[in-house]
Amino acid sequence: MNQWVAVCISLVVVYGLVILIGKRFKKPSRYERTPRVLNSWNALDKGIDPSDEKLS
């Protein structure tokens, strides 16, 4: 009986640590990511005409 209590307590502690670490290092959703370099396709999404950028 003592071993079961120790196992249950350790499982709860490990589960709690996993939850806390998971919240701290949360990865952004793939839909929330912004590109590091603005290419011509992404410029069109932002309303920038890429042909104007090359002329100046």
C-alpha atoms as a PDB file:
ATOM      1  CA  MET A   1       0.000   0.000   0.000  1.00  0.00           C
ATOM      2  CA  ASN A   2       2.850   2.380   0.809  1.00  0.00           C
ATOM      3  CA  GLN A   3       4.416   1.802  -2.593  1.00  0.00           C
ATOM      4  CA  TRP A   4       1.158   2.649  -4.380  1.00  0.00           C
ATOM      5  CA  VAL A   5       0.897   5.960  -2.567  1.00  0.00           C
ATOM      6  CA  ALA A   6       4.498   6.807  -3.472  1.00  0.00           C
ATOM      7  CA  VAL A   7       3.916   5.874  -7.107  1.00  0.00           C
ATOM      8  CA  CYS A   8       0.728   7.953  -7.307  1.00  0.00           C
ATOM      9  CA  ILE A   9       2.408  10.964  -5.716  1.00  0.00           C
ATOM     10  CA  SER A  10       5.378  10.735  -8.071  1.00  0.00           C
ATOM     11  CA  LEU A  11       3.054  10.442 -11.078  1.00  0.00           C
ATOM     12  CA  VAL A  12       1.176  13.565  -9.990  1.00  0.00           C
ATOM     13  CA  VAL A  13       4.454  15.468  -9.526  1.00  0.00           C
ATOM     14  CA  VAL A  14       5.802  14.390 -12.925  1.00  0.00           C
ATOM     15  CA  TYR A  15       2.500  15.251 -14.629  1.00  0.00           C
ATOM     16  CA  GLY A  16       2.498  18.669 -12.975  1.00  0.00           C
ATOM     17  CA  LEU A  17       6.073  19.354 -14.109  1.00  0.00           C
ATOM     18  CA  VAL A  18       5.216  18.355 -17.666  1.00  0.00           C
ATOM     19  CA  ILE A  19       2.252  20.737 -17.676  1.00  0.00           C
ATOM     20  CA  LEU A  20       4.317  23.626 -16.282  1.00  0.00           C
ATOM     21  CA  ILE A  21       7.208  23.096 -18.692  1.00  0.00           C
ATOM     22  CA  GLY A  22       4.810  22.729 -21.614  1.00  0.00           C
ATOM     23  CA  LYS A  23       3.158  26.062 -20.821  1.00  0.00           C
ATOM     24  CA  ARG A  24       6.481  27.839 -20.425  1.00  0.00           C
ATOM     25  CA  PHE A  25       7.930  26.667 -23.753  1.00  0.00           C
ATOM     26  CA  LYS A  26       4.743  26.896 -25.757  1.00  0.00           C
ATOM     27  CA  LYS A  27       5.381  26.875 -29.493  1.00  0.00           C
ATOM     28  CA  PRO A  28       3.417  29.304 -31.597  1.00  0.00           C
ATOM     29  CA  SER A  29       0.809  27.899 -33.868  1.00  0.00           C
ATOM     30  CA  ARG A  30       1.866  27.550 -37.476  1.00  0.00           C
ATOM     31  CA  TYR A  31      -0.789  30.085 -38.411  1.00  0.00           C
ATOM     32  CA  GLU A  32       0.613  32.695 -36.011  1.00  0.00           C
ATOM     33  CA  ARG A  33       4.159  32.638 -37.352  1.00  0.00           C
ATOM     34  CA  THR A  34       5.419  35.615 -39.306  1.00  0.00           C
ATOM     35  CA  PRO A  35       8.114  35.169 -41.921  1.00  0.00           C
ATOM     36  CA  ARG A  36      11.573  36.494 -41.095  1.00  0.00           C
ATOM     37  CA  VAL A  37      12.210  37.671 -44.641  1.00  0.00           C
ATOM     38  CA  LEU A  38       9.516  39.481 -46.604  1.00  0.00           C
ATOM     39  CA  ASN A  39       9.451  37.877 -50.053  1.00  0.00           C
ATOM     40  CA  SER A  40       7.268  38.955 -52.973  1.00  0.00           C
ATOM     41  CA  TRP A  41       4.428  36.600 -52.042  1.00  0.00           C
ATOM     42  CA  ASN A  42       4.318  37.804 -48.447  1.00  0.00           C
ATOM     43  CA  ALA A  43       4.598  41.413 -49.588  1.00  0.00           C
ATOM     44  CA  LEU A  44       1.416  40.971 -51.606  1.00  0.00           C
ATOM     45  CA  ASP A  45      -0.338  39.665 -48.479  1.00  0.00           C
ATOM     46  CA  LYS A  46       0.713  42.818 -46.609  1.00  0.00           C
ATOM     47  CA  GLY A  47      -0.508  45.061 -49.445  1.00  0.00           C
ATOM     48  CA  ILE A  48       2.955  45.963 -50.738  1.00  0.00           C
ATOM     49  CA  ASP A  49       3.463  45.895 -54.504  1.00  0.00           C
ATOM     50  CA  PRO A  50       6.774  44.058 -55.023  1.00  0.00           C
ATOM     51  CA  SER A  51       7.288  45.626 -58.452  1.00  0.00           C
ATOM     52  CA  ASP A  52       7.393  49.094 -56.821  1.00  0.00           C
ATOM     53  CA  GLU A  53      10.027  47.979 -54.330  1.00  0.00           C
ATOM     54  CA  LYS A  54      12.462  46.874 -57.064  1.00  0.00           C
ATOM     55  CA  LEU A  55      12.235  50.197 -58.941  1.00  0.00           C
ATOM     56  CA  SER A  56      13.307  52.363 -56.034  1.00  0.00           C
END
